[in-house]
Amino acid sequence: MNETERAIVALREENLAVRGLVANKLTPSPDPDETGRGGRYLRERVETEATRLETIRSEFDPPLVAEIGWRSAEITGDLLADVADELDIETAAEQPTHV
């Protein structure tokens, strides 16, 4: 979260608008019958992430606009377009307002 706060400040110092935040690579919850060490780890991680997301929702400006679960591949290319469609976000670059 500290890195996100610093990034928002740095972007705003350069007069770049930050209109919303996206939480990425969120950990999937384990199945209820997963009781081993891996299941416990995932439950703890999901709980930690939930706490952090609540902090972001209540304390950050700009708002959290989307949450993306963990994917096995980087979100680039066609996968980026798929995720953008899921989130209903335009990915085309906007024309500059001034040069």
Protein backbone atom coordinates (compact mmCIF):
# COMPACT_ATOMS: atom_id res chain seq x y z
CA MET A 1 0.00 0.00 0.00
CA ASN A 2 2.89 2.36 0.70
CA GLU A 3 4.16 1.87 -2.83
CA THR A 4 0.72 2.69 -4.20
CA GLU A 5 0.50 5.86 -2.12
CA ARG A 6 3.94 6.97 -3.35
CA ALA A 7 2.97 6.24 -6.96
CA ILE A 8 -0.24 8.29 -6.67
CA VAL A 9 1.69 11.24 -5.23
CA ALA A 10 4.40 11.00 -7.91
CA LEU A 11 1.86 10.85 -10.73
CA ARG A 12 -0.09 13.81 -9.37
CA GLU A 13 3.13 15.81 -9.00
CA GLU A 14 3.55 15.33 -12.76
CA ASN A 15 -0.05 16.50 -13.32
CA LEU A 16 -1.17 13.01 -14.32
CA ALA A 17 -4.68 12.13 -13.22
CA VAL A 18 -5.27 8.92 -11.30
CA ARG A 19 -8.98 8.19 -11.63
CA GLY A 20 -9.12 4.78 -10.02
CA LEU A 21 -7.14 1.93 -8.53
CA VAL A 22 -7.17 -1.72 -9.53
CA ALA A 23 -6.20 -4.43 -7.04
CA ASN A 24 -4.37 -7.11 -9.00
CA LYS A 25 -3.20 -10.67 -8.30
CA LEU A 26 -5.63 -11.29 -5.46
CA THR A 27 -5.20 -14.70 -3.88
CA PRO A 28 -7.93 -17.27 -4.53
CA SER A 29 -9.68 -18.74 -1.50
CA PRO A 30 -8.98 -22.43 -0.93
CA ASP A 31 -11.77 -24.97 -1.01
CA PRO A 32 -13.38 -25.60 2.41
CA ASP A 33 -11.97 -29.14 2.55
CA GLU A 34 -8.38 -27.92 2.13
CA THR A 35 -7.06 -28.14 5.68
CA GLY A 36 -3.33 -28.60 5.14
CA ARG A 37 -0.57 -26.05 5.43
CA GLY A 38 -1.29 -24.68 1.93
CA GLY A 39 -4.96 -24.19 2.72
CA ARG A 40 -4.14 -22.41 5.98
CA TYR A 41 -1.62 -20.19 4.18
CA LEU A 42 -4.15 -19.22 1.52
CA ARG A 43 -6.83 -18.44 4.12
CA GLU A 44 -4.43 -16.19 6.04
CA ARG A 45 -3.34 -14.47 2.85
CA VAL A 46 -6.95 -13.91 1.72
CA GLU A 47 -7.74 -12.44 5.15
CA THR A 48 -4.73 -10.11 4.99
CA GLU A 49 -5.71 -8.98 1.49
CA ALA A 50 -9.30 -8.36 2.61
CA THR A 51 -8.04 -6.11 5.42
CA ARG A 52 -5.81 -4.18 3.02
CA LEU A 53 -8.60 -3.80 0.48
CA GLU A 54 -10.88 -2.39 3.17
CA THR A 55 -8.17 0.13 4.09
CA ILE A 56 -7.82 1.12 0.44
CA ARG A 57 -11.60 1.51 0.08
CA SER A 58 -11.90 3.69 3.17
CA GLU A 59 -8.68 5.74 3.07
CA PHE A 60 -7.45 6.08 -0.50
CA ASP A 61 -8.33 8.69 -3.08
CA PRO A 62 -8.82 7.74 -5.93
CA PRO A 63 -11.31 4.93 -5.36
CA LEU A 64 -10.77 1.22 -5.87
CA VAL A 65 -12.57 0.55 -9.15
CA ALA A 66 -11.78 -3.11 -9.76
CA GLU A 67 -10.34 -6.28 -8.29
CA ILE A 68 -8.53 -8.86 -10.40
CA GLY A 69 -7.92 -12.35 -9.10
CA TRP A 70 -4.60 -14.13 -9.45
CA ARG A 71 -3.86 -15.32 -12.98
CA SER A 72 -1.25 -17.87 -13.98
CA ALA A 73 0.12 -15.54 -16.66
CA GLU A 74 0.98 -11.85 -16.86
CA ILE A 75 -1.95 -9.72 -17.95
CA THR A 76 -0.69 -8.56 -21.35
CA GLY A 77 -1.82 -8.80 -24.96
CA ASP A 78 -5.04 -10.72 -25.50
CA LEU A 79 -5.38 -11.46 -21.78
CA LEU A 80 -5.26 -7.71 -21.08
CA ALA A 81 -8.10 -7.17 -23.54
CA ASP A 82 -10.09 -9.98 -21.88
CA VAL A 83 -9.58 -8.49 -18.41
CA ALA A 84 -10.49 -5.01 -19.69
CA ASP A 85 -13.70 -6.44 -21.15
CA GLU A 86 -14.52 -8.06 -17.80
CA LEU A 87 -13.92 -4.75 -16.04
CA ASP A 88 -15.59 -2.67 -18.77
CA ILE A 89 -12.53 -0.42 -19.05
CA GLU A 90 -11.35 1.24 -22.26
CA THR A 91 -7.74 0.33 -23.04
CA ALA A 92 -7.18 2.53 -26.08
CA ALA A 93 -4.82 5.44 -25.53
CA GLU A 94 -6.45 8.85 -25.28
CA GLN A 95 -5.27 11.70 -27.48
CA PRO A 96 -3.07 14.17 -25.58
CA THR A 97 -4.89 17.27 -24.40
CA HIS A 98 -1.78 19.43 -24.89
CA VAL A 99 1.78 19.08 -26.11
